[in-house]
PDB file of N, CA and C in Angstrom:
ATOM      1  N   MET A   1      -2.554  16.426 -35.328  1.00  0.00           N
ATOM      2  CA  MET A   1      -2.636  15.060 -34.834  1.00  0.00           C
ATOM      3  C   MET A   1      -3.089  14.166 -35.981  1.00  0.00           C
ATOM      4  N   ALA A   2      -2.243  13.258 -36.339  1.00  0.00           N
ATOM      5  CA  ALA A   2      -2.493  12.434 -37.523  1.00  0.00           C
ATOM      6  C   ALA A   2      -3.658  11.476 -37.329  1.00  0.00           C
ATOM      7  N   GLY A   3      -3.779  10.856 -36.165  1.00  0.00           N
ATOM      8  CA  GLY A   3      -4.824   9.866 -35.963  1.00  0.00           C
ATOM      9  C   GLY A   3      -6.170  10.448 -35.600  1.00  0.00           C
ATOM     10  N   ALA A   4      -6.223  11.739 -35.269  1.00  0.00           N
ATOM     11  CA  ALA A   4      -7.467  12.347 -34.808  1.00  0.00           C
ATOM     12  C   ALA A   4      -8.521  12.381 -35.909  1.00  0.00           C
ATOM     13  N   GLU A   5      -8.110  12.703 -37.148  1.00  0.00           N
ATOM     14  CA  GLU A   5      -9.086  12.778 -38.229  1.00  0.00           C
ATOM     15  C   GLU A   5      -9.699  11.408 -38.502  1.00  0.00           C
ATOM     16  N   ALA A   6      -8.895  10.370 -38.482  1.00  0.00           N
ATOM     17  CA  ALA A   6      -9.392   9.026 -38.771  1.00  0.00           C
ATOM     18  C   ALA A   6     -10.389   8.574 -37.715  1.00  0.00           C
ATOM     19  N   CYS A   7     -10.147   8.920 -36.461  1.00  0.00           N
ATOM     20  CA  CYS A   7     -11.033   8.495 -35.381  1.00  0.00           C
ATOM     21  C   CYS A   7     -12.372   9.208 -35.436  1.00  0.00           C
ATOM     22  N   GLN A   8     -12.401  10.431 -35.926  1.00  0.00           N
ATOM     23  CA  GLN A   8     -13.637  11.200 -35.949  1.00  0.00           C
ATOM     24  C   GLN A   8     -14.593  10.720 -37.033  1.00  0.00           C
ATOM     25  N   ASN A   9     -14.119   9.969 -37.997  1.00  0.00           N
ATOM     26  CA  ASN A   9     -14.953   9.527 -39.107  1.00  0.00           C
ATOM     27  C   ASN A   9     -15.607   8.171 -38.873  1.00  0.00           C
ATOM     28  N   LEU A  10     -15.463   7.605 -37.680  1.00  0.00           N
ATOM     29  CA  LEU A  10     -16.060   6.301 -37.418  1.00  0.00           C
ATOM     30  C   LEU A  10     -17.574   6.416 -37.342  1.00  0.00           C
ATOM     31  N   GLN A  11     -18.242   5.451 -37.902  1.00  0.00           N
ATOM     32  CA  GLN A  11     -19.697   5.378 -37.832  1.00  0.00           C
ATOM     33  C   GLN A  11     -20.091   4.338 -36.787  1.00  0.00           C
ATOM     34  N   TRP A  12     -21.306   4.395 -36.292  1.00  0.00           N
ATOM     35  CA  TRP A  12     -21.784   3.446 -35.285  1.00  0.00           C
ATOM     36  C   TRP A  12     -21.674   2.016 -35.794  1.00  0.00           C
ATOM     37  N   SER A  13     -21.903   1.797 -37.063  1.00  0.00           N
ATOM     38  CA  SER A  13     -21.838   0.443 -37.620  1.00  0.00           C
ATOM     39  C   SER A  13     -20.406  -0.088 -37.667  1.00  0.00           C
ATOM     40  N   ASP A  14     -19.411   0.800 -37.569  1.00  0.00           N
ATOM     41  CA  ASP A  14     -18.014   0.368 -37.580  1.00  0.00           C
ATOM     42  C   ASP A  14     -17.578  -0.229 -36.245  1.00  0.00           C
ATOM     43  N   THR A  15     -18.303   0.072 -35.188  1.00  0.00           N
ATOM     44  CA  THR A  15     -17.931  -0.416 -33.851  1.00  0.00           C
ATOM     45  C   THR A  15     -19.137  -1.060 -33.169  1.00  0.00           C
ATOM     46  N   PRO A  16     -19.620  -2.167 -33.707  1.00  0.00           N
ATOM     47  CA  PRO A  16     -20.824  -2.776 -33.124  1.00  0.00           C
ATOM     48  C   PRO A  16     -20.537  -3.435 -31.772  1.00  0.00           C
ATOM     49  N   MET A  17     -21.518  -3.397 -30.892  1.00  0.00           N
ATOM     50  CA  MET A  17     -21.431  -4.091 -29.607  1.00  0.00           C
ATOM     51  C   MET A  17     -21.883  -5.529 -29.820  1.00  0.00           C
ATOM     52  N   LYS A  18     -21.240  -6.437 -29.121  1.00  0.00           N
ATOM     53  CA  LYS A  18     -21.642  -7.836 -29.218  1.00  0.00           C
ATOM     54  C   LYS A  18     -22.878  -8.065 -28.356  1.00  0.00           C
ATOM     55  N   ASP A  19     -23.778  -8.887 -28.852  1.00  0.00           N
ATOM     56  CA  ASP A  19     -24.972  -9.229 -28.079  1.00  0.00           C
ATOM     57  C   ASP A  19     -24.732 -10.423 -27.172  1.00  0.00           C
ATOM     58  N   ASP A  20     -23.653 -11.174 -27.414  1.00  0.00           N
ATOM     59  CA  ASP A  20     -23.394 -12.391 -26.647  1.00  0.00           C
ATOM     60  C   ASP A  20     -22.280 -12.163 -25.612  1.00  0.00           C
ATOM     61  N   SER A  21     -22.397 -11.105 -24.819  1.00  0.00           N
ATOM     62  CA  SER A  21     -21.377 -10.795 -23.814  1.00  0.00           C
ATOM     63  C   SER A  21     -21.278 -11.920 -22.800  1.00  0.00           C
ATOM     64  N   THR A  22     -20.055 -12.255 -22.424  1.00  0.00           N
ATOM     65  CA  THR A  22     -19.804 -13.290 -21.432  1.00  0.00           C
ATOM     66  C   THR A  22     -19.380 -12.629 -20.131  1.00  0.00           C
ATOM     67  N   ILE A  23     -20.008 -13.020 -19.035  1.00  0.00           N
ATOM     68  CA  ILE A  23     -19.656 -12.491 -17.723  1.00  0.00           C
ATOM     69  C   ILE A  23     -18.790 -13.515 -17.020  1.00  0.00           C
ATOM     70  N   ILE A  24     -17.628 -13.076 -16.578  1.00  0.00           N
ATOM     71  CA  ILE A  24     -16.707 -13.956 -15.862  1.00  0.00           C
ATOM     72  C   ILE A  24     -16.688 -13.526 -14.405  1.00  0.00           C
ATOM     73  N   HIS A  25     -17.033 -14.429 -13.511  1.00  0.00           N
ATOM     74  CA  HIS A  25     -17.011 -14.132 -12.085  1.00  0.00           C
ATOM     75  C   HIS A  25     -15.605 -14.369 -11.552  1.00  0.00           C
ATOM     76  N   LEU A  26     -15.029 -13.339 -10.940  1.00  0.00           N
ATOM     77  CA  LEU A  26     -13.691 -13.445 -10.383  1.00  0.00           C
ATOM     78  C   LEU A  26     -13.761 -13.938  -8.948  1.00  0.00           C
ATOM     79  N   ARG A  27     -12.754 -14.685  -8.548  1.00  0.00           N
ATOM     80  CA  ARG A  27     -12.693 -15.181  -7.175  1.00  0.00           C
ATOM     81  C   ARG A  27     -12.401 -14.049  -6.210  1.00  0.00           C
ATOM     82  N   GLN A  28     -12.944 -14.158  -5.025  1.00  0.00           N
ATOM     83  CA  GLN A  28     -12.628 -13.195  -3.977  1.00  0.00           C
ATOM     84  C   GLN A  28     -11.244 -13.526  -3.437  1.00  0.00           C
ATOM     85  N   PRO A  29     -10.385 -12.536  -3.198  1.00  0.00           N
ATOM     86  CA  PRO A  29      -9.006 -12.810  -2.789  1.00  0.00           C
ATOM     87  C   PRO A  29      -8.893 -13.562  -1.469  1.00  0.00           C
ATOM     88  N   GLY A  30      -9.804 -13.366  -0.550  1.00  0.00           N
ATOM     89  CA  GLY A  30      -9.716 -14.031   0.742  1.00  0.00           C
ATOM     90  C   GLY A  30     -10.242 -15.450   0.740  1.00  0.00           C
ATOM     91  N   LEU A  31     -10.795 -15.917  -0.362  1.00  0.00           N
ATOM     92  CA  LEU A  31     -11.425 -17.230  -0.394  1.00  0.00           C
ATOM     93  C   LEU A  31     -10.526 -18.339  -0.921  1.00  0.00           C
ATOM     94  N   VAL A  32      -9.268 -18.058  -1.178  1.00  0.00           N
ATOM     95  CA  VAL A  32      -8.354 -19.075  -1.687  1.00  0.00           C
ATOM     96  C   VAL A  32      -8.001 -20.017  -0.543  1.00  0.00           C
ATOM     97  N   SER A  33      -8.233 -21.303  -0.740  1.00  0.00           N
ATOM     98  CA  SER A  33      -7.974 -22.268   0.326  1.00  0.00           C
ATOM     99  C   SER A  33      -6.775 -23.161   0.018  1.00  0.00           C
ATOM    100  N   ASP A  34      -5.993 -22.787  -0.966  1.00  0.00           N
ATOM    101  CA  ASP A  34      -4.813 -23.541  -1.353  1.00  0.00           C
ATOM    102  C   ASP A  34      -3.708 -23.317  -0.318  1.00  0.00           C
ATOM    103  N   PRO A  35      -3.159 -24.381   0.293  1.00  0.00           N
ATOM    104  CA  PRO A  35      -2.116 -24.209   1.318  1.00  0.00           C
ATOM    105  C   PRO A  35      -0.880 -23.474   0.807  1.00  0.00           C
ATOM    106  N   LEU A  36      -0.487 -23.712  -0.426  1.00  0.00           N
ATOM    107  CA  LEU A  36       0.684 -23.037  -0.980  1.00  0.00           C
ATOM    108  C   LEU A  36       0.440 -21.526  -1.101  1.00  0.00           C
ATOM    109  N   THR A  37      -0.770 -21.157  -1.508  1.00  0.00           N
ATOM    110  CA  THR A  37      -1.120 -19.737  -1.604  1.00  0.00           C
ATOM    111  C   THR A  37      -1.106 -19.086  -0.233  1.00  0.00           C
ATOM    112  N   GLU A  38      -1.604 -19.777   0.774  1.00  0.00           N
ATOM    113  CA  GLU A  38      -1.600 -19.242   2.139  1.00  0.00           C
ATOM    114  C   GLU A  38      -0.177 -19.043   2.648  1.00  0.00           C
ATOM    115  N   ILE A  39       0.708 -20.002   2.370  1.00  0.00           N
ATOM    116  CA  ILE A  39       2.111 -19.876   2.783  1.00  0.00           C
ATOM    117  C   ILE A  39       2.747 -18.669   2.093  1.00  0.00           C
ATOM    118  N   ALA A  40       2.473 -18.513   0.798  1.00  0.00           N
ATOM    119  CA  ALA A  40       3.024 -17.375   0.051  1.00  0.00           C
ATOM    120  C   ALA A  40       2.480 -16.056   0.592  1.00  0.00           C
ATOM    121  N   ARG A  41       1.187 -16.015   0.911  1.00  0.00           N
ATOM    122  CA  ARG A  41       0.575 -14.793   1.440  1.00  0.00           C
ATOM    123  C   ARG A  41       1.176 -14.422   2.792  1.00  0.00           C
ATOM    124  N   GLU A  42       1.328 -15.407   3.673  1.00  0.00           N
ATOM    125  CA  GLU A  42       1.909 -15.139   4.994  1.00  0.00           C
ATOM    126  C   GLU A  42       3.359 -14.684   4.867  1.00  0.00           C
ATOM    127  N   GLY A  43       4.105 -15.305   3.954  1.00  0.00           N
ATOM    128  CA  GLY A  43       5.489 -14.893   3.727  1.00  0.00           C
ATOM    129  C   GLY A  43       5.571 -13.468   3.197  1.00  0.00           C
ATOM    130  N   ALA A  44       4.665 -13.119   2.291  1.00  0.00           N
ATOM    131  CA  ALA A  44       4.642 -11.757   1.744  1.00  0.00           C
ATOM    132  C   ALA A  44       4.300 -10.745   2.830  1.00  0.00           C
ATOM    133  N   GLN A  45       3.381 -11.101   3.724  1.00  0.00           N
ATOM    134  CA  GLN A  45       3.031 -10.199   4.823  1.00  0.00           C
ATOM    135  C   GLN A  45       4.215  -9.992   5.761  1.00  0.00           C
ATOM    136  N   ARG A  46       4.955 -11.065   6.056  1.00  0.00           N
ATOM    137  CA  ARG A  46       6.137 -10.931   6.918  1.00  0.00           C
ATOM    138  C   ARG A  46       7.208 -10.073   6.244  1.00  0.00           C
ATOM    139  N   MET A  47       7.397 -10.276   4.934  1.00  0.00           N
ATOM    140  CA  MET A  47       8.382  -9.477   4.202  1.00  0.00           C
ATOM    141  C   MET A  47       7.992  -8.002   4.199  1.00  0.00           C
ATOM    142  N   LEU A  48       6.704  -7.717   3.999  1.00  0.00           N
ATOM    143  CA  LEU A  48       6.243  -6.335   3.997  1.00  0.00           C
ATOM    144  C   LEU A  48       6.429  -5.698   5.368  1.00  0.00           C
ATOM    145  N   ALA A  49       6.109  -6.429   6.427  1.00  0.00           N
ATOM    146  CA  ALA A  49       6.284  -5.903   7.781  1.00  0.00           C
ATOM    147  C   ALA A  49       7.754  -5.601   8.058  1.00  0.00           C
ATOM    148  N   ALA A  50       8.646  -6.491   7.634  1.00  0.00           N
ATOM    149  CA  ALA A  50      10.081  -6.270   7.837  1.00  0.00           C
ATOM    150  C   ALA A  50      10.568  -5.069   7.026  1.00  0.00           C
ATOM    151  N   ALA A  51      10.067  -4.924   5.802  1.00  0.00           N
ATOM    152  CA  ALA A  51      10.470  -3.790   4.964  1.00  0.00           C
ATOM    153  C   ALA A  51       9.988  -2.472   5.558  1.00  0.00           C
ATOM    154  N   LEU A  52       8.755  -2.451   6.066  1.00  0.00           N
ATOM    155  CA  LEU A  52       8.236  -1.234   6.692  1.00  0.00           C
ATOM    156  C   LEU A  52       9.023  -0.871   7.938  1.00  0.00           C
ATOM    157  N   LYS A  53       9.384  -1.872   8.737  1.00  0.00           N
ATOM    158  CA  LYS A  53      10.171  -1.614   9.944  1.00  0.00           C
ATOM    159  C   LYS A  53      11.540  -1.060   9.563  1.00  0.00           C
ATOM    160  N   ALA A  54      12.180  -1.655   8.560  1.00  0.00           N
ATOM    161  CA  ALA A  54      13.494  -1.183   8.120  1.00  0.00           C
ATOM    162  C   ALA A  54      13.415   0.241   7.581  1.00  0.00           C
ATOM    163  N   GLU A  55      12.352   0.539   6.837  1.00  0.00           N
ATOM    164  CA  GLU A  55      12.185   1.892   6.304  1.00  0.00           C
ATOM    165  C   GLU A  55      11.978   2.900   7.432  1.00  0.00           C
ATOM    166  N   ALA A  56      11.173   2.542   8.423  1.00  0.00           N
ATOM    167  CA  ALA A  56      10.945   3.434   9.563  1.00  0.00           C
ATOM    168  C   ALA A  56      12.234   3.647  10.345  1.00  0.00           C
ATOM    169  N   ASP A  57      12.987   2.576  10.564  1.00  0.00           N
ATOM    170  CA  ASP A  57      14.253   2.697  11.297  1.00  0.00           C
ATOM    171  C   ASP A  57      15.240   3.597  10.559  1.00  0.00           C
ATOM    172  N   SER A  58      15.326   3.446   9.238  1.00  0.00           N
ATOM    173  CA  SER A  58      16.259   4.281   8.476  1.00  0.00           C
ATOM    174  C   SER A  58      15.793   5.736   8.452  1.00  0.00           C
ATOM    175  N   PHE A  59      14.477   5.955   8.457  1.00  0.00           N
ATOM    176  CA  PHE A  59      13.949   7.320   8.487  1.00  0.00           C
ATOM    177  C   PHE A  59      14.314   8.006   9.797  1.00  0.00           C
ATOM    178  N   VAL A  60      14.137   7.311  10.917  1.00  0.00           N
ATOM    179  CA  VAL A  60      14.497   7.876  12.218  1.00  0.00           C
ATOM    180  C   VAL A  60      16.000   8.131  12.266  1.00  0.00           C
ATOM    181  N   GLU A  61      16.782   7.193  11.743  1.00  0.00           N
ATOM    182  CA  GLU A  61      18.239   7.346  11.729  1.00  0.00           C
ATOM    183  C   GLU A  61      18.667   8.551  10.888  1.00  0.00           C
ATOM    184  N   MET A  62      17.970   8.786   9.783  1.00  0.00           N
ATOM    185  CA  MET A  62      18.305   9.895   8.897  1.00  0.00           C
ATOM    186  C   MET A  62      18.175  11.249   9.618  1.00  0.00           C
ATOM    187  N   PHE A  63      17.242  11.348  10.563  1.00  0.00           N
ATOM    188  CA  PHE A  63      17.024  12.594  11.289  1.00  0.00           C
ATOM    189  C   PHE A  63      17.551  12.536  12.720  1.00  0.00           C
ATOM    190  N   SER A  64      18.394  11.566  13.022  1.00  0.00           N
ATOM    191  CA  SER A  64      18.874  11.408  14.396  1.00  0.00           C
ATOM    192  C   SER A  64      19.745  12.573  14.858  1.00  0.00           C
ATOM    193  N   HIS A  65      20.329  13.316  13.929  1.00  0.00           N
ATOM    194  CA  HIS A  65      21.174  14.455  14.298  1.00  0.00           C
ATOM    195  C   HIS A  65      20.357  15.694  14.675  1.00  0.00           C
ATOM    196  N   GLU A  66      19.072  15.732  14.312  1.00  0.00           N
ATOM    197  CA  GLU A  66      18.246  16.899  14.631  1.00  0.00           C
ATOM    198  C   GLU A  66      17.774  16.818  16.078  1.00  0.00           C
ATOM    199  N   ARG A  67      17.966  17.905  16.793  1.00  0.00           N
ATOM    200  CA  ARG A  67      17.626  17.951  18.218  1.00  0.00           C
ATOM    201  C   ARG A  67      16.706  19.130  18.513  1.00  0.00           C
ATOM    202  N   LEU A  68      15.930  18.992  19.565  1.00  0.00           N
ATOM    203  CA  LEU A  68      15.112  20.079  20.084  1.00  0.00           C
ATOM    204  C   LEU A  68      15.989  20.999  20.925  1.00  0.00           C
ATOM    205  N   PRO A  69      15.508  22.192  21.241  1.00  0.00           N
ATOM    206  CA  PRO A  69      16.309  23.101  22.066  1.00  0.00           C
ATOM    207  C   PRO A  69      16.732  22.504  23.412  1.00  0.00           C
ATOM    208  N   ASP A  70      15.935  21.582  23.952  1.00  0.00           N
ATOM    209  CA  ASP A  70      16.304  20.976  25.240  1.00  0.00           C
ATOM    210  C   ASP A  70      17.214  19.760  25.078  1.00  0.00           C
ATOM    211  N   GLY A  71      17.639  19.441  23.826  1.00  0.00           N
ATOM    212  CA  GLY A  71      18.600  18.371  23.594  1.00  0.00           C
ATOM    213  C   GLY A  71      18.005  17.026  23.219  1.00  0.00           C
ATOM    214  N   ARG A  72      16.690  16.888  23.317  1.00  0.00           N
ATOM    215  CA  ARG A  72      16.073  15.610  22.944  1.00  0.00           C
ATOM    216  C   ARG A  72      16.036  15.463  21.428  1.00  0.00           C
ATOM    217  N   GLN A  73      15.983  14.197  20.971  1.00  0.00           N
ATOM    218  CA  GLN A  73      15.929  13.908  19.538  1.00  0.00           C
ATOM    219  C   GLN A  73      14.586  14.381  18.980  1.00  0.00           C
ATOM    220  N   ARG A  74      14.613  15.055  17.811  1.00  0.00           N
ATOM    221  CA  ARG A  74      13.393  15.632  17.239  1.00  0.00           C
ATOM    222  C   ARG A  74      12.450  14.558  16.681  1.00  0.00           C
ATOM    223  N   VAL A  75      12.965  13.598  15.929  1.00  0.00           N
ATOM    224  CA  VAL A  75      12.137  12.546  15.320  1.00  0.00           C
ATOM    225  C   VAL A  75      12.393  11.257  16.078  1.00  0.00           C
ATOM    226  N   VAL A  76      11.320  10.662  16.602  1.00  0.00           N
ATOM    227  CA  VAL A  76      11.460   9.459  17.414  1.00  0.00           C
ATOM    228  C   VAL A  76      10.449   8.410  16.978  1.00  0.00           C
ATOM    229  N   ARG A  77      10.771   7.176  17.287  1.00  0.00           N
ATOM    230  CA  ARG A  77       9.839   6.074  17.056  1.00  0.00           C
ATOM    231  C   ARG A  77       9.209   5.746  18.392  1.00  0.00           C
ATOM    232  N   HIS A  78       7.903   5.735  18.419  1.00  0.00           N
ATOM    233  CA  HIS A  78       7.189   5.534  19.665  1.00  0.00           C
ATOM    234  C   HIS A  78       6.769   4.087  19.870  1.00  0.00           C
ATOM    235  N   GLY A  79       7.529   3.160  19.364  1.00  0.00           N
ATOM    236  CA  GLY A  79       7.215   1.759  19.598  1.00  0.00           C
ATOM    237  C   GLY A  79       5.927   1.340  18.931  1.00  0.00           C
ATOM    238  N   VAL A  80       5.138   0.590  19.644  1.00  0.00           N
ATOM    239  CA  VAL A  80       3.906   0.043  19.087  1.00  0.00           C
ATOM    240  C   VAL A  80       2.724   0.696  19.766  1.00  0.00           C
ATOM    241  N   GLY A  81       1.875   1.307  18.966  1.00  0.00           N
ATOM    242  CA  GLY A  81       0.666   1.941  19.474  1.00  0.00           C
ATOM    243  C   GLY A  81      -0.510   0.992  19.341  1.00  0.00           C
ATOM    244  N   PRO A  82      -1.715   1.532  19.364  1.00  0.00           N
ATOM    245  CA  PRO A  82      -2.901   0.684  19.216  1.00  0.00           C
ATOM    246  C   PRO A  82      -2.905  -0.026  17.863  1.00  0.00           C
ATOM    247  N   GLU A  83      -3.347  -1.261  17.864  1.00  0.00           N
ATOM    248  CA  GLU A  83      -3.402  -2.029  16.613  1.00  0.00           C
ATOM    249  C   GLU A  83      -4.392  -1.388  15.660  1.00  0.00           C
ATOM    250  N   ARG A  84      -4.049  -1.366  14.374  1.00  0.00           N
ATOM    251  CA  ARG A  84      -4.951  -0.896  13.341  1.00  0.00           C
ATOM    252  C   ARG A  84      -4.708  -1.739  12.096  1.00  0.00           C
ATOM    253  N   VAL A  85      -5.691  -1.837  11.262  1.00  0.00           N
ATOM    254  CA  VAL A  85      -5.594  -2.661  10.061  1.00  0.00           C
ATOM    255  C   VAL A  85      -5.125  -1.785   8.905  1.00  0.00           C
ATOM    256  N   ILE A  86      -4.080  -2.240   8.216  1.00  0.00           N
ATOM    257  CA  ILE A  86      -3.553  -1.548   7.046  1.00  0.00           C
ATOM    258  C   ILE A  86      -3.918  -2.380   5.823  1.00  0.00           C
ATOM    259  N   LEU A  87      -4.619  -1.776   4.872  1.00  0.00           N
ATOM    260  CA  LEU A  87      -5.001  -2.468   3.649  1.00  0.00           C
ATOM    261  C   LEU A  87      -3.956  -2.193   2.581  1.00  0.00           C
ATOM    262  N   TRP A  88      -3.496  -3.243   1.914  1.00  0.00           N
ATOM    263  CA  TRP A  88      -2.532  -3.107   0.818  1.00  0.00           C
ATOM    264  C   TRP A  88      -2.863  -4.162  -0.211  1.00  0.00           C
ATOM    265  N   GLY A  89      -3.185  -3.718  -1.411  1.00  0.00           N
ATOM    266  CA  GLY A  89      -3.560  -4.654  -2.471  1.00  0.00           C
ATOM    267  C   GLY A  89      -4.798  -5.431  -2.075  1.00  0.00           C
ATOM    268  N   ASP A  90      -4.723  -6.738  -2.182  1.00  0.00           N
ATOM    269  CA  ASP A  90      -5.847  -7.597  -1.834  1.00  0.00           C
ATOM    270  C   ASP A  90      -5.770  -8.077  -0.397  1.00  0.00           C
ATOM    271  N   ASN A  91      -4.757  -7.674   0.335  1.00  0.00           N
ATOM    272  CA  ASN A  91      -4.538  -8.206   1.674  1.00  0.00           C
ATOM    273  C   ASN A  91      -4.641  -7.102   2.710  1.00  0.00           C
ATOM    274  N   GLN A  92      -4.590  -7.499   3.956  1.00  0.00           N
ATOM    275  CA  GLN A  92      -4.562  -6.536   5.042  1.00  0.00           C
ATOM    276  C   GLN A  92      -3.546  -6.992   6.066  1.00  0.00           C
ATOM    277  N   ASP A  93      -3.048  -6.056   6.844  1.00  0.00           N
ATOM    278  CA  ASP A  93      -2.032  -6.342   7.837  1.00  0.00           C
ATOM    279  C   ASP A  93      -2.358  -5.530   9.074  1.00  0.00           C
ATOM    280  N   GLU A  94      -2.011  -6.046  10.234  1.00  0.00           N
ATOM    281  CA  GLU A  94      -2.221  -5.303  11.463  1.00  0.00           C
ATOM    282  C   GLU A  94      -0.885  -4.744  11.905  1.00  0.00           C
ATOM    283  N   ASN A  95      -0.882  -3.464  12.258  1.00  0.00           N
ATOM    284  CA  ASN A  95       0.353  -2.791  12.612  1.00  0.00           C
ATOM    285  C   ASN A  95       0.027  -1.702  13.611  1.00  0.00           C
ATOM    286  N   GLY A  96       0.975  -1.375  14.448  1.00  0.00           N
ATOM    287  CA  GLY A  96       0.740  -0.322  15.407  1.00  0.00           C
ATOM    288  C   GLY A  96       1.880   0.660  15.511  1.00  0.00           C
ATOM    289  N   ALA A  97       2.956   0.478  14.766  1.00  0.00           N
ATOM    290  CA  ALA A  97       4.120   1.353  14.890  1.00  0.00           C
ATOM    291  C   ALA A  97       3.899   2.652  14.133  1.00  0.00           C
ATOM    292  N   SER A  98       4.459   3.723  14.654  1.00  0.00           N
ATOM    293  CA  SER A  98       4.414   4.997  13.953  1.00  0.00           C
ATOM    294  C   SER A  98       5.605   5.843  14.374  1.00  0.00           C
ATOM    295  N   ILE A  99       5.884   6.870  13.591  1.00  0.00           N
ATOM    296  CA  ILE A  99       6.982   7.790  13.890  1.00  0.00           C
ATOM    297  C   ILE A  99       6.380   9.176  14.062  1.00  0.00           C
ATOM    298  N   TRP A 100       6.807   9.859  15.105  1.00  0.00           N
ATOM    299  CA  TRP A 100       6.273  11.179  15.417  1.00  0.00           C
ATOM    300  C   TRP A 100       7.398  12.184  15.537  1.00  0.00           C
ATOM    301  N   MET A 101       7.105  13.426  15.193  1.00  0.00           N
ATOM    302  CA  MET A 101       7.992  14.523  15.562  1.00  0.00           C
ATOM    303  C   MET A 101       7.564  14.947  16.958  1.00  0.00           C
ATOM    304  N   ARG A 102       8.469  15.403  17.743  1.00  0.00           N
ATOM    305  CA  ARG A 102       8.118  15.807  19.100  1.00  0.00           C
ATOM    306  C   ARG A 102       7.212  17.027  19.122  1.00  0.00           C
ATOM    307  N   SER A 103       7.049  17.673  17.988  1.00  0.00           N
ATOM    308  CA  SER A 103       6.109  18.792  17.918  1.00  0.00           C
ATOM    309  C   SER A 103       4.672  18.288  17.946  1.00  0.00           C
ATOM    310  N   GLY A 104       4.491  16.976  17.797  1.00  0.00           N
ATOM    311  CA  GLY A 104       3.163  16.384  17.884  1.00  0.00           C
ATOM    312  C   GLY A 104       2.586  15.919  16.573  1.00  0.00           C
ATOM    313  N   SER A 105       3.269  16.116  15.462  1.00  0.00           N
ATOM    314  CA  SER A 105       2.725  15.683  14.179  1.00  0.00           C
ATOM    315  C   SER A 105       3.263  14.308  13.809  1.00  0.00           C
ATOM    316  N   ARG A 106       2.370  13.465  13.303  1.00  0.00           N
ATOM    317  CA  ARG A 106       2.755  12.116  12.880  1.00  0.00           C
ATOM    318  C   ARG A 106       3.417  12.203  11.516  1.00  0.00           C
ATOM    319  N   ILE A 107       4.550  11.540  11.362  1.00  0.00           N
ATOM    320  CA  ILE A 107       5.297  11.569  10.105  1.00  0.00           C
ATOM    321  C   ILE A 107       5.059  10.307   9.300  1.00  0.00           C
ATOM    322  N   PHE A 108       5.097   9.166   9.934  1.00  0.00           N
ATOM    323  CA  PHE A 108       5.123   7.892   9.215  1.00  0.00           C
ATOM    324  C   PHE A 108       4.312   6.883   9.997  1.00  0.00           C
ATOM    325  N   GLU A 109       3.421   6.187   9.312  1.00  0.00           N
ATOM    326  CA  GLU A 109       2.660   5.118   9.959  1.00  0.00           C
ATOM    327  C   GLU A 109       3.075   3.805   9.376  1.00  0.00           C
TER     328      GLU A 109
END
């Protein structure tokens, strides 16, 4: 490793810490009161909800040919269950849809 030898020869005086460190306070994501930001956030939440619904629908469709011995579809969408909060990035969304296998295991939330 060509750079390894050079890095091992550094002395403490070669990498001094600054004594005048500046602390920058970042804004909390939920505290933005700009109307344009709120419109963008709501639009992004609607887009994410639509994308998740489309992904769930295509997943169920992908397994629509699989059947249980009694003829029922193996992978089904159970509509909307109890509301729960989904955290993504700096935002949160409420959703209740999920996909289950009839064997009882949850596949997709």
